[in-house]
Amino acid sequence: MTTITPTIARVQGQTFRWLCSEFLKSPEYRRLHPRTQYVSRNALESCCREPIRPGDTKLIADFPLDRMALDALEVLRDRKGDKLGAADGRVKALRRLFKWAKNKRLITVNPCLELKYVNTNSDGWHTWTVEELEQYERTHPIGTTARLGLDLLQYLGLARMDGARPPHNGASFCAITMSLTSETD
């Protein structure tokens, strides 16, 4: 298993950067799946690099925790503009951070309790119809890598994110990694 090292540096006092640094050193963070660690750390570091106001040299990283309120977090979320997935990724990372901080009594109030996701109108991933599957099978006949991938996902009952990697370097087998975890937040 790969260990991901926190990279937020120059910690000063009770600031947003300090809170992020403490979280990234915590056992709770280290218990997260490596991919979740990577995504969360990147989202938090991205937040730290944001200026307090457009054109300002002061960064969110140095924003005092006692002034961190819902409106500041909404600004961080909304700065991702039309990148709804990235905005929701920030919300998820910020919720995890502030929930942890409240549980550790590092803050008295969790400002993320009312922070909403922006991409709430999605019905999820489109489920292929029988006609779409037949079209894919006509386009990618048996023996092609694309067809092997579809057949493995379909007949093994795997989730879309569990994708099988085709054999490489002379290997005669595929590696299938189950990605679903019990993590709900």
C-alpha atoms as a PDB file:
ATOM      1  CA  MET A   1       0.000   0.000   0.000  1.00  0.00           C
ATOM      2  CA  THR A   2       1.311   3.433  -0.945  1.00  0.00           C
ATOM      3  CA  THR A   3       1.773   5.997   1.808  1.00  0.00           C
ATOM      4  CA  ILE A   4       0.828   9.523   0.830  1.00  0.00           C
ATOM      5  CA  THR A   5       2.803  12.228   2.602  1.00  0.00           C
ATOM      6  CA  PRO A   6       1.077  15.502   3.486  1.00  0.00           C
ATOM      7  CA  THR A   7       2.612  18.440   1.607  1.00  0.00           C
ATOM      8  CA  ILE A   8       0.913  21.478   3.187  1.00  0.00           C
ATOM      9  CA  ALA A   9       3.774  23.457   4.726  1.00  0.00           C
ATOM     10  CA  ARG A  10       4.486  26.742   6.574  1.00  0.00           C
ATOM     11  CA  VAL A  11       1.905  26.222   9.282  1.00  0.00           C
ATOM     12  CA  GLN A  12       1.137  29.279  11.429  1.00  0.00           C
ATOM     13  CA  GLY A  13      -1.305  29.373  14.350  1.00  0.00           C
ATOM     14  CA  GLN A  14      -4.965  28.431  14.146  1.00  0.00           C
ATOM     15  CA  THR A  15      -5.415  28.978  10.422  1.00  0.00           C
ATOM     16  CA  PHE A  16      -7.044  26.949   7.688  1.00  0.00           C
ATOM     17  CA  ARG A  17      -3.580  25.682   6.675  1.00  0.00           C
ATOM     18  CA  TRP A  18      -2.915  24.612  10.278  1.00  0.00           C
ATOM     19  CA  LEU A  19      -6.184  22.669  10.391  1.00  0.00           C
ATOM     20  CA  CYS A  20      -5.420  20.972   7.070  1.00  0.00           C
ATOM     21  CA  SER A  21      -1.923  20.078   8.263  1.00  0.00           C
ATOM     22  CA  GLU A  22      -3.257  18.562  11.492  1.00  0.00           C
ATOM     23  CA  PHE A  23      -5.853  16.552   9.567  1.00  0.00           C
ATOM     24  CA  LEU A  24      -3.284  15.231   7.080  1.00  0.00           C
ATOM     25  CA  LYS A  25      -1.141  13.983   9.984  1.00  0.00           C
ATOM     26  CA  SER A  26      -4.074  12.309  11.746  1.00  0.00           C
ATOM     27  CA  PRO A  27      -4.700   8.562  12.032  1.00  0.00           C
ATOM     28  CA  GLU A  28      -8.211   9.178  10.667  1.00  0.00           C
ATOM     29  CA  TYR A  29      -6.740  10.549   7.435  1.00  0.00           C
ATOM     30  CA  ARG A  30      -4.213   7.710   7.183  1.00  0.00           C
ATOM     31  CA  ARG A  31      -7.032   5.165   7.509  1.00  0.00           C
ATOM     32  CA  LEU A  32      -8.727   6.502   4.368  1.00  0.00           C
ATOM     33  CA  HIS A  33      -8.266   4.606   1.110  1.00  0.00           C
ATOM     34  CA  PRO A  34      -5.107   5.856  -0.705  1.00  0.00           C
ATOM     35  CA  ARG A  35      -7.182   7.273  -3.562  1.00  0.00           C
ATOM     36  CA  THR A  36      -9.423   9.121  -1.082  1.00  0.00           C
ATOM     37  CA  GLN A  37      -6.311  10.473   0.662  1.00  0.00           C
ATOM     38  CA  TYR A  38      -4.963  11.710  -2.668  1.00  0.00           C
ATOM     39  CA  VAL A  39      -8.199  13.384  -3.754  1.00  0.00           C
ATOM     40  CA  SER A  40      -8.870  14.944  -0.340  1.00  0.00           C
ATOM     41  CA  ARG A  41      -5.318  16.266   0.016  1.00  0.00           C
ATOM     42  CA  ASN A  42      -5.402  17.793  -3.474  1.00  0.00           C
ATOM     43  CA  ALA A  43      -8.765  19.462  -2.817  1.00  0.00           C
ATOM     44  CA  LEU A  44      -7.560  20.910   0.500  1.00  0.00           C
ATOM     45  CA  GLU A  45      -4.268  22.099  -0.970  1.00  0.00           C
ATOM     46  CA  SER A  46      -6.168  23.716  -3.827  1.00  0.00           C
ATOM     47  CA  CYS A  47      -8.316  25.551  -1.279  1.00  0.00           C
ATOM     48  CA  CYS A  48      -5.183  26.698   0.568  1.00  0.00           C
ATOM     49  CA  ARG A  49      -3.781  28.224  -2.647  1.00  0.00           C
ATOM     50  CA  GLU A  50      -6.921  30.292  -3.292  1.00  0.00           C
ATOM     51  CA  PRO A  51      -6.606  34.041  -2.636  1.00  0.00           C
ATOM     52  CA  ILE A  52      -8.938  35.447  -0.005  1.00  0.00           C
ATOM     53  CA  ARG A  53     -10.318  37.800  -2.675  1.00  0.00           C
ATOM     54  CA  PRO A  54      -9.551  37.836  -6.406  1.00  0.00           C
ATOM     55  CA  GLY A  55      -6.231  39.646  -6.914  1.00  0.00           C
ATOM     56  CA  ASP A  56      -5.332  39.549  -3.199  1.00  0.00           C
ATOM     57  CA  THR A  57      -1.904  38.247  -2.145  1.00  0.00           C
ATOM     58  CA  LYS A  58      -3.327  36.802   1.090  1.00  0.00           C
ATOM     59  CA  LEU A  59      -4.363  33.170   0.790  1.00  0.00           C
ATOM     60  CA  ILE A  60      -7.211  31.148   2.274  1.00  0.00           C
ATOM     61  CA  ALA A  61      -4.460  29.040   3.861  1.00  0.00           C
ATOM     62  CA  ASP A  62      -3.748  31.892   6.288  1.00  0.00           C
ATOM     63  CA  PHE A  63      -7.423  32.621   6.992  1.00  0.00           C
ATOM     64  CA  PRO A  64      -8.123  32.423  10.762  1.00  0.00           C
ATOM     65  CA  LEU A  65     -10.266  29.461  11.747  1.00  0.00           C
ATOM     66  CA  ASP A  66     -12.392  31.546  14.088  1.00  0.00           C
ATOM     67  CA  ARG A  67     -13.541  33.596  11.066  1.00  0.00           C
ATOM     68  CA  MET A  68     -14.179  30.570   8.823  1.00  0.00           C
ATOM     69  CA  ALA A  69     -17.924  30.576   8.237  1.00  0.00           C
ATOM     70  CA  LEU A  70     -20.379  29.118   5.742  1.00  0.00           C
ATOM     71  CA  ASP A  71     -20.073  32.088   3.370  1.00  0.00           C
ATOM     72  CA  ALA A  72     -16.270  31.628   3.091  1.00  0.00           C
ATOM     73  CA  LEU A  73     -16.728  27.924   2.341  1.00  0.00           C
ATOM     74  CA  GLU A  74     -19.377  28.692  -0.283  1.00  0.00           C
ATOM     75  CA  VAL A  75     -16.891  31.042  -1.967  1.00  0.00           C
ATOM     76  CA  LEU A  76     -14.304  28.233  -2.044  1.00  0.00           C
ATOM     77  CA  ARG A  77     -16.868  25.865  -3.553  1.00  0.00           C
ATOM     78  CA  ASP A  78     -18.165  28.379  -6.087  1.00  0.00           C
ATOM     79  CA  ARG A  79     -14.713  29.348  -7.358  1.00  0.00           C
ATOM     80  CA  LYS A  80     -14.689  26.083  -9.273  1.00  0.00           C
ATOM     81  CA  GLY A  81     -17.254  27.725 -11.575  1.00  0.00           C
ATOM     82  CA  ASP A  82     -18.870  25.330 -14.006  1.00  0.00           C
ATOM     83  CA  LYS A  83     -16.623  22.431 -12.915  1.00  0.00           C
ATOM     84  CA  LEU A  84     -19.391  20.861 -10.842  1.00  0.00           C
ATOM     85  CA  GLY A  85     -17.478  17.680 -10.029  1.00  0.00           C
ATOM     86  CA  ALA A  86     -14.510  19.682  -8.732  1.00  0.00           C
ATOM     87  CA  ALA A  87     -16.820  21.935  -6.706  1.00  0.00           C
ATOM     88  CA  ASP A  88     -18.492  18.907  -5.131  1.00  0.00           C
ATOM     89  CA  GLY A  89     -15.050  17.381  -4.507  1.00  0.00           C
ATOM     90  CA  ARG A  90     -14.162  20.463  -2.490  1.00  0.00           C
ATOM     91  CA  VAL A  91     -17.412  20.203  -0.546  1.00  0.00           C
ATOM     92  CA  LYS A  92     -16.684  16.566   0.284  1.00  0.00           C
ATOM     93  CA  ALA A  93     -13.109  17.304   1.405  1.00  0.00           C
ATOM     94  CA  LEU A  94     -14.180  20.339   3.451  1.00  0.00           C
ATOM     95  CA  ARG A  95     -16.991  18.397   5.131  1.00  0.00           C
ATOM     96  CA  ARG A  96     -14.572  15.604   6.053  1.00  0.00           C
ATOM     97  CA  LEU A  97     -12.018  18.118   7.387  1.00  0.00           C
ATOM     98  CA  PHE A  98     -14.429  20.119   9.529  1.00  0.00           C
ATOM     99  CA  LYS A  99     -16.281  17.048  10.815  1.00  0.00           C
ATOM    100  CA  TRP A 100     -12.930  15.640  11.952  1.00  0.00           C
ATOM    101  CA  ALA A 101     -11.961  18.989  13.526  1.00  0.00           C
ATOM    102  CA  LYS A 102     -15.247  19.184  15.454  1.00  0.00           C
ATOM    103  CA  ASN A 103     -14.857  15.597  16.684  1.00  0.00           C
ATOM    104  CA  LYS A 104     -11.315  16.432  17.861  1.00  0.00           C
ATOM    105  CA  ARG A 105     -12.607  19.604  19.562  1.00  0.00           C
ATOM    106  CA  LEU A 106     -10.293  21.776  17.465  1.00  0.00           C
ATOM    107  CA  ILE A 107     -13.295  23.931  16.527  1.00  0.00           C
ATOM    108  CA  THR A 108     -16.499  24.583  18.428  1.00  0.00           C
ATOM    109  CA  VAL A 109     -18.841  24.914  15.430  1.00  0.00           C
ATOM    110  CA  ASN A 110     -18.734  22.983  12.159  1.00  0.00           C
ATOM    111  CA  PRO A 111     -19.251  25.612   9.415  1.00  0.00           C
ATOM    112  CA  CYS A 112     -19.821  22.870   6.806  1.00  0.00           C
ATOM    113  CA  LEU A 113     -23.076  21.576   8.267  1.00  0.00           C
ATOM    114  CA  GLU A 114     -25.107  23.593   5.766  1.00  0.00           C
ATOM    115  CA  LEU A 115     -22.598  23.594   2.883  1.00  0.00           C
ATOM    116  CA  LYS A 116     -24.506  22.166  -0.083  1.00  0.00           C
ATOM    117  CA  TYR A 117     -23.315  20.225  -3.093  1.00  0.00           C
ATOM    118  CA  VAL A 118     -23.820  22.009  -6.419  1.00  0.00           C
ATOM    119  CA  ASN A 119     -24.351  19.000  -8.664  1.00  0.00           C
ATOM    120  CA  THR A 120     -27.602  17.689  -7.184  1.00  0.00           C
ATOM    121  CA  ASN A 121     -29.671  17.355 -10.362  1.00  0.00           C
ATOM    122  CA  SER A 122     -27.858  14.301 -11.675  1.00  0.00           C
ATOM    123  CA  ASP A 123     -29.616  10.996 -12.213  1.00  0.00           C
ATOM    124  CA  GLY A 124     -26.249   9.217 -12.040  1.00  0.00           C
ATOM    125  CA  TRP A 125     -24.581   7.289 -14.811  1.00  0.00           C
ATOM    126  CA  HIS A 126     -26.643   6.364 -17.835  1.00  0.00           C
ATOM    127  CA  THR A 127     -27.533   2.665 -17.930  1.00  0.00           C
ATOM    128  CA  TRP A 128     -27.040   1.219 -21.380  1.00  0.00           C
ATOM    129  CA  THR A 129     -30.065  -0.172 -23.184  1.00  0.00           C
ATOM    130  CA  VAL A 130     -30.009  -3.576 -24.883  1.00  0.00           C
ATOM    131  CA  GLU A 131     -29.725  -1.761 -28.237  1.00  0.00           C
ATOM    132  CA  GLU A 132     -26.674   0.213 -27.049  1.00  0.00           C
ATOM    133  CA  LEU A 133     -24.995  -2.982 -25.810  1.00  0.00           C
ATOM    134  CA  GLU A 134     -25.678  -4.686 -29.149  1.00  0.00           C
ATOM    135  CA  GLN A 135     -24.255  -1.685 -31.032  1.00  0.00           C
ATOM    136  CA  TYR A 136     -21.091  -1.771 -28.872  1.00  0.00           C
ATOM    137  CA  GLU A 137     -20.739  -5.517 -29.469  1.00  0.00           C
ATOM    138  CA  ARG A 138     -21.062  -5.016 -33.245  1.00  0.00           C
ATOM    139  CA  THR A 139     -18.422  -2.264 -33.167  1.00  0.00           C
ATOM    140  CA  HIS A 140     -16.061  -4.252 -30.907  1.00  0.00           C
ATOM    141  CA  PRO A 141     -16.132  -7.946 -31.895  1.00  0.00           C
ATOM    142  CA  ILE A 142     -14.989 -10.825 -29.665  1.00  0.00           C
ATOM    143  CA  GLY A 143     -11.201 -10.827 -29.457  1.00  0.00           C
ATOM    144  CA  THR A 144     -10.783  -7.062 -29.074  1.00  0.00           C
ATOM    145  CA  THR A 145      -9.591  -5.506 -25.816  1.00  0.00           C
ATOM    146  CA  ALA A 146     -12.631  -3.223 -25.708  1.00  0.00           C
ATOM    147  CA  ARG A 147     -14.986  -6.211 -25.971  1.00  0.00           C
ATOM    148  CA  LEU A 148     -13.057  -8.123 -23.310  1.00  0.00           C
ATOM    149  CA  GLY A 149     -13.412  -5.140 -20.951  1.00  0.00           C
ATOM    150  CA  LEU A 150     -17.163  -4.891 -21.526  1.00  0.00           C
ATOM    151  CA  ASP A 151     -17.687  -8.629 -21.135  1.00  0.00           C
ATOM    152  CA  LEU A 152     -15.714  -8.754 -17.888  1.00  0.00           C
ATOM    153  CA  LEU A 153     -17.670  -5.842 -16.424  1.00  0.00           C
ATOM    154  CA  GLN A 154     -20.996  -7.176 -17.628  1.00  0.00           C
ATOM    155  CA  TYR A 155     -20.658 -10.882 -16.851  1.00  0.00           C
ATOM    156  CA  LEU A 156     -18.782 -10.552 -13.570  1.00  0.00           C
ATOM    157  CA  GLY A 157     -21.266  -7.973 -12.287  1.00  0.00           C
ATOM    158  CA  LEU A 158     -18.623  -5.333 -11.638  1.00  0.00           C
ATOM    159  CA  ALA A 159     -19.271  -1.655 -11.090  1.00  0.00           C
ATOM    160  CA  ARG A 160     -18.153   0.849 -13.744  1.00  0.00           C
ATOM    161  CA  MET A 161     -15.296   1.997 -11.500  1.00  0.00           C
ATOM    162  CA  ASP A 162     -13.962  -1.543 -11.086  1.00  0.00           C
ATOM    163  CA  GLY A 163     -12.633  -1.595 -14.663  1.00  0.00           C
ATOM    164  CA  ALA A 164     -10.360  -4.450 -15.613  1.00  0.00           C
ATOM    165  CA  ARG A 165      -6.862  -3.630 -16.796  1.00  0.00           C
ATOM    166  CA  PRO A 166      -5.890  -5.597 -19.901  1.00  0.00           C
ATOM    167  CA  PRO A 167      -2.847  -7.895 -19.686  1.00  0.00           C
ATOM    168  CA  HIS A 168       0.483  -6.236 -20.433  1.00  0.00           C
ATOM    169  CA  ASN A 169       4.194  -7.103 -20.499  1.00  0.00           C
ATOM    170  CA  GLY A 170       3.449 -10.632 -21.679  1.00  0.00           C
ATOM    171  CA  ALA A 171       1.054 -11.434 -18.822  1.00  0.00           C
ATOM    172  CA  SER A 172      -1.737 -13.870 -19.586  1.00  0.00           C
ATOM    173  CA  PHE A 173      -4.258 -12.529 -17.072  1.00  0.00           C
ATOM    174  CA  CYS A 174      -6.147  -9.347 -16.206  1.00  0.00           C
ATOM    175  CA  ALA A 175      -6.011  -7.521 -12.888  1.00  0.00           C
ATOM    176  CA  ILE A 176      -9.406  -6.557 -11.502  1.00  0.00           C
ATOM    177  CA  THR A 177      -9.485  -4.177  -8.565  1.00  0.00           C
ATOM    178  CA  MET A 178     -12.724  -3.798  -6.614  1.00  0.00           C
ATOM    179  CA  SER A 179     -13.073  -0.074  -5.827  1.00  0.00           C
ATOM    180  CA  LEU A 180     -16.193   0.129  -3.684  1.00  0.00           C
ATOM    181  CA  THR A 181     -15.558   0.844  -0.015  1.00  0.00           C
ATOM    182  CA  SER A 182     -17.736   1.213   3.035  1.00  0.00           C
ATOM    183  CA  GLU A 183     -16.901   4.930   3.232  1.00  0.00           C
ATOM    184  CA  THR A 184     -20.082   6.970   2.967  1.00  0.00           C
ATOM    185  CA  ASP A 185     -18.870  10.553   3.302  1.00  0.00           C
END
